[in-house]
Amino acid sequence: MSYDQSQTLVHMVNQIAANLSGGRETAEAVNGICAHLEKFWARAMKQRIVACLDEPDCGLGPLARQAVTRLAERRANQIA
């Protein structure tokens, strides 16, 4: 994926985080965001957003970064 597509995915995760964080505890919000990504995003989209974690400042907000980190951990556990 190109840089623009990656930035679009980052923007989308940040929007999901903003929508799912309202009135929730951090852990509950992170779980909700991660569950949304697992359920609704295509494999390629999930791979690309996880790859963004390797970039020093890819633009993920704090909740979005936590959710994508959890997604990466879950995907690693599925492979192992």
Protein backbone atom coordinates (compact mmCIF):
# COMPACT_ATOMS: atom_id res chain seq x y z
CA MET A 1 0.00 0.00 0.00
CA SER A 2 1.12 3.50 -0.63
CA TYR A 3 1.76 6.17 1.96
CA ASP A 4 -1.63 7.77 1.25
CA GLN A 5 -3.42 4.47 1.84
CA SER A 6 -1.55 3.97 5.11
CA GLN A 7 -2.45 7.47 6.22
CA THR A 8 -6.08 6.76 5.35
CA LEU A 9 -6.02 3.65 7.54
CA VAL A 10 -4.43 5.61 10.39
CA HIS A 11 -7.12 8.25 10.04
CA MET A 12 -9.82 5.57 10.06
CA VAL A 13 -8.47 3.91 13.23
CA ASN A 14 -8.25 7.28 14.95
CA GLN A 15 -11.89 7.96 14.04
CA ILE A 16 -12.97 4.54 15.31
CA ALA A 17 -11.09 5.25 18.55
CA ALA A 18 -12.83 8.60 18.92
CA ASN A 19 -16.24 7.03 18.34
CA LEU A 20 -15.74 4.05 20.63
CA SER A 21 -13.96 5.79 23.50
CA GLY A 22 -16.75 8.05 24.69
CA GLY A 23 -17.65 7.30 28.29
CA ARG A 24 -15.63 4.07 28.45
CA GLU A 25 -12.67 3.05 30.55
CA THR A 26 -9.44 2.84 28.56
CA ALA A 27 -9.24 -0.96 28.60
CA GLU A 28 -12.85 -1.31 27.46
CA ALA A 29 -12.32 1.21 24.65
CA VAL A 30 -9.13 -0.52 23.47
CA ASN A 31 -10.92 -3.89 23.45
CA GLY A 32 -13.80 -2.39 21.47
CA ILE A 33 -11.52 -0.81 18.88
CA CYS A 34 -9.51 -4.01 18.48
CA ALA A 35 -12.69 -6.08 18.15
CA HIS A 36 -13.97 -3.69 15.47
CA LEU A 37 -10.74 -4.02 13.48
CA GLU A 38 -10.79 -7.81 13.78
CA LYS A 39 -14.41 -8.06 12.71
CA PHE A 40 -14.71 -5.50 9.93
CA TRP A 41 -11.27 -4.92 8.41
CA ALA A 42 -9.81 -7.02 5.62
CA ARG A 43 -6.63 -8.98 6.30
CA ALA A 44 -4.54 -6.62 4.15
CA MET A 45 -5.84 -3.59 6.04
CA LYS A 46 -4.98 -5.20 9.38
CA GLN A 47 -1.49 -6.12 8.16
CA ARG A 48 -0.86 -2.58 6.97
CA ILE A 49 -2.07 -0.90 10.16
CA VAL A 50 0.03 -3.28 12.28
CA ALA A 51 3.05 -2.39 10.11
CA CYS A 52 2.48 1.26 11.03
CA LEU A 53 3.56 0.42 14.58
CA ASP A 54 7.14 0.17 13.28
CA GLU A 55 7.08 3.79 12.13
CA PRO A 56 8.19 6.26 14.82
CA ASP A 57 5.30 8.68 14.32
CA CYS A 58 2.69 7.20 12.04
CA GLY A 59 -0.07 9.37 13.49
CA LEU A 60 -1.96 6.85 15.61
CA GLY A 61 -3.56 8.39 18.68
CA PRO A 62 -2.91 6.81 22.08
CA LEU A 63 -6.05 4.62 22.16
CA ALA A 64 -5.68 3.68 18.51
CA ARG A 65 -2.03 2.70 19.08
CA GLN A 66 -2.97 0.53 22.06
CA ALA A 67 -5.72 -1.16 20.04
CA VAL A 68 -3.44 -1.82 17.07
CA THR A 69 -0.77 -3.17 19.43
CA ARG A 70 -3.36 -5.53 20.91
CA LEU A 71 -4.41 -6.54 17.38
CA ALA A 72 -0.77 -7.32 16.55
CA GLU A 73 -0.43 -9.42 19.73
CA ARG A 74 -3.60 -11.37 18.95
CA ARG A 75 -2.49 -12.00 15.37
CA ALA A 76 0.92 -13.21 16.62
CA ASN A 77 -0.77 -15.60 19.06
CA GLN A 78 -2.95 -17.01 16.28
CA ILE A 79 0.12 -17.73 14.16
CA ALA A 80 2.09 -19.31 17.03
